[in-house]
Amino acid sequence: MPKGYIIGHVTVHDPEGYAPYAQRNNAIFARHGARYLVRGGQAEVKEGTAHTRHVVIEFPSYEAALAAYEDPEYVENMKIRHAHADSTVMVVEGCE
């Protein structure tokens, strides 16, 4: 079964306001079997335009990634991100 991923591209406008969002995600996503593969760090855009921060979170399956994104606690936590950042977030099925 292919793994699932939540991929986020984010430009944070208020780091202090955004920090609780990132921290709360640890427990929320852990309940769904998450493993962070990319969380911030250096990035260099080689083509096109992009947000300034990138996150890739691996889940045991596409269904687990969807369940994490739709988790009511995460849906509530998203409000913090929406208030303090611009973002593009997607749920993606991996390949085996």
C-alpha atoms as a PDB file:
ATOM      1  CA  MET A   1       0.000   0.000   0.000  1.00  0.00           C
ATOM      2  CA  PRO A   2       1.488   3.400  -0.965  1.00  0.00           C
ATOM      3  CA  LYS A   3       2.239   5.879   1.785  1.00  0.00           C
ATOM      4  CA  GLY A   4       0.463   9.200   2.016  1.00  0.00           C
ATOM      5  CA  TYR A   5       1.908  12.649   2.474  1.00  0.00           C
ATOM      6  CA  ILE A   6       0.814  16.057   3.588  1.00  0.00           C
ATOM      7  CA  ILE A   7       2.905  18.618   1.752  1.00  0.00           C
ATOM      8  CA  GLY A   8       2.767  22.224   2.835  1.00  0.00           C
ATOM      9  CA  HIS A   9       4.318  25.343   1.382  1.00  0.00           C
ATOM     10  CA  VAL A  10       4.047  28.281   3.759  1.00  0.00           C
ATOM     11  CA  THR A  11       5.070  31.911   4.061  1.00  0.00           C
ATOM     12  CA  VAL A  12       4.836  32.904   7.724  1.00  0.00           C
ATOM     13  CA  HIS A  13       4.011  36.555   8.421  1.00  0.00           C
ATOM     14  CA  ASP A  14       4.019  36.361  12.240  1.00  0.00           C
ATOM     15  CA  PRO A  15       6.453  33.730  13.584  1.00  0.00           C
ATOM     16  CA  GLU A  16       5.367  34.149  17.222  1.00  0.00           C
ATOM     17  CA  GLY A  17       1.705  33.750  16.316  1.00  0.00           C
ATOM     18  CA  TYR A  18       2.464  30.783  14.048  1.00  0.00           C
ATOM     19  CA  ALA A  19       4.608  28.855  16.560  1.00  0.00           C
ATOM     20  CA  PRO A  20       1.707  27.265  18.513  1.00  0.00           C
ATOM     21  CA  TYR A  21       0.311  25.857  15.247  1.00  0.00           C
ATOM     22  CA  ALA A  22       3.547  24.065  14.399  1.00  0.00           C
ATOM     23  CA  GLN A  23       3.999  22.775  17.935  1.00  0.00           C
ATOM     24  CA  ARG A  24       0.447  21.414  18.286  1.00  0.00           C
ATOM     25  CA  ASN A  25       0.805  19.500  15.032  1.00  0.00           C
ATOM     26  CA  ASN A  26       3.357  17.163  16.644  1.00  0.00           C
ATOM     27  CA  ALA A  27       0.767  15.409  18.821  1.00  0.00           C
ATOM     28  CA  ILE A  28      -2.062  15.647  16.292  1.00  0.00           C
ATOM     29  CA  PHE A  29      -0.130  14.038  13.467  1.00  0.00           C
ATOM     30  CA  ALA A  30       1.612  11.475  15.712  1.00  0.00           C
ATOM     31  CA  ARG A  31      -1.797   9.925  16.411  1.00  0.00           C
ATOM     32  CA  HIS A  32      -2.033   9.216  12.675  1.00  0.00           C
ATOM     33  CA  GLY A  33       1.429   7.631  12.383  1.00  0.00           C
ATOM     34  CA  ALA A  34       3.194  10.708  10.978  1.00  0.00           C
ATOM     35  CA  ARG A  35       6.894  11.141  10.359  1.00  0.00           C
ATOM     36  CA  TYR A  36       8.294  14.517   9.339  1.00  0.00           C
ATOM     37  CA  LEU A  37      10.606  14.242   6.327  1.00  0.00           C
ATOM     38  CA  VAL A  38      10.991  17.985   5.715  1.00  0.00           C
ATOM     39  CA  ARG A  39      10.167  20.716   8.208  1.00  0.00           C
ATOM     40  CA  GLY A  40      11.570  24.095   7.317  1.00  0.00           C
ATOM     41  CA  GLY A  41      15.290  24.101   6.703  1.00  0.00           C
ATOM     42  CA  GLN A  42      17.173  25.489   3.762  1.00  0.00           C
ATOM     43  CA  ALA A  43      15.443  25.694   0.421  1.00  0.00           C
ATOM     44  CA  GLU A  44      16.397  27.267  -2.858  1.00  0.00           C
ATOM     45  CA  VAL A  45      13.852  27.894  -5.587  1.00  0.00           C
ATOM     46  CA  LYS A  46      15.416  26.896  -8.907  1.00  0.00           C
ATOM     47  CA  GLU A  47      12.384  27.526 -11.126  1.00  0.00           C
ATOM     48  CA  GLY A  48       9.179  29.483 -10.673  1.00  0.00           C
ATOM     49  CA  THR A  49       8.051  31.001  -7.401  1.00  0.00           C
ATOM     50  CA  ALA A  50       7.395  29.396  -4.028  1.00  0.00           C
ATOM     51  CA  HIS A  51       6.559  30.044  -0.410  1.00  0.00           C
ATOM     52  CA  THR A  52       9.480  30.377   1.998  1.00  0.00           C
ATOM     53  CA  ARG A  53       8.874  27.305   4.223  1.00  0.00           C
ATOM     54  CA  HIS A  54       8.254  23.714   3.134  1.00  0.00           C
ATOM     55  CA  VAL A  55       6.966  20.712   5.069  1.00  0.00           C
ATOM     56  CA  VAL A  56       6.616  17.075   3.998  1.00  0.00           C
ATOM     57  CA  ILE A  57       4.928  14.700   6.445  1.00  0.00           C
ATOM     58  CA  GLU A  58       4.793  10.971   5.706  1.00  0.00           C
ATOM     59  CA  PHE A  59       1.897   8.764   6.828  1.00  0.00           C
ATOM     60  CA  PRO A  60       1.415   4.996   6.609  1.00  0.00           C
ATOM     61  CA  SER A  61      -1.194   5.451   3.856  1.00  0.00           C
ATOM     62  CA  TYR A  62      -3.041   8.042   1.806  1.00  0.00           C
ATOM     63  CA  GLU A  63      -6.109   7.391   3.972  1.00  0.00           C
ATOM     64  CA  ALA A  64      -4.094   8.108   7.137  1.00  0.00           C
ATOM     65  CA  ALA A  65      -2.848  11.389   5.640  1.00  0.00           C
ATOM     66  CA  LEU A  66      -6.426  12.399   4.772  1.00  0.00           C
ATOM     67  CA  ALA A  67      -7.611  11.435   8.258  1.00  0.00           C
ATOM     68  CA  ALA A  68      -4.874  13.587   9.806  1.00  0.00           C
ATOM     69  CA  TYR A  69      -5.796  16.575   7.654  1.00  0.00           C
ATOM     70  CA  GLU A  70      -9.481  16.120   8.517  1.00  0.00           C
ATOM     71  CA  ASP A  71      -8.850  15.495  12.245  1.00  0.00           C
ATOM     72  CA  PRO A  72     -11.115  17.947  14.129  1.00  0.00           C
ATOM     73  CA  GLU A  73      -8.214  19.061  16.333  1.00  0.00           C
ATOM     74  CA  TYR A  74      -6.131  19.833  13.231  1.00  0.00           C
ATOM     75  CA  VAL A  75      -9.042  21.644  11.569  1.00  0.00           C
ATOM     76  CA  GLU A  76      -9.203  23.882  14.647  1.00  0.00           C
ATOM     77  CA  ASN A  77      -5.410  24.306  14.692  1.00  0.00           C
ATOM     78  CA  MET A  78      -5.429  25.389  11.025  1.00  0.00           C
ATOM     79  CA  LYS A  79      -7.091  28.620  12.102  1.00  0.00           C
ATOM     80  CA  ILE A  80      -3.778  29.677  13.639  1.00  0.00           C
ATOM     81  CA  ARG A  81      -1.936  29.040  10.369  1.00  0.00           C
ATOM     82  CA  HIS A  82      -4.556  30.912   8.370  1.00  0.00           C
ATOM     83  CA  ALA A  83      -4.219  33.915  10.694  1.00  0.00           C
ATOM     84  CA  HIS A  84      -0.417  34.096  10.600  1.00  0.00           C
ATOM     85  CA  ALA A  85       0.677  32.717   7.225  1.00  0.00           C
ATOM     86  CA  ASP A  86      -0.185  32.174   3.577  1.00  0.00           C
ATOM     87  CA  SER A  87      -0.009  28.566   2.495  1.00  0.00           C
ATOM     88  CA  THR A  88      -0.667  25.845  -0.014  1.00  0.00           C
ATOM     89  CA  VAL A  89      -1.300  22.404   1.485  1.00  0.00           C
ATOM     90  CA  MET A  90      -2.010  19.155  -0.323  1.00  0.00           C
ATOM     91  CA  VAL A  91      -2.518  15.494   0.519  1.00  0.00           C
ATOM     92  CA  VAL A  92      -0.668  13.245  -1.914  1.00  0.00           C
ATOM     93  CA  GLU A  93      -0.486   9.498  -2.453  1.00  0.00           C
ATOM     94  CA  GLY A  94       3.063   8.194  -2.762  1.00  0.00           C
ATOM     95  CA  CYS A  95       4.372   5.477  -5.021  1.00  0.00           C
ATOM     96  CA  GLU A  96       5.694   2.135  -3.853  1.00  0.00           C
END
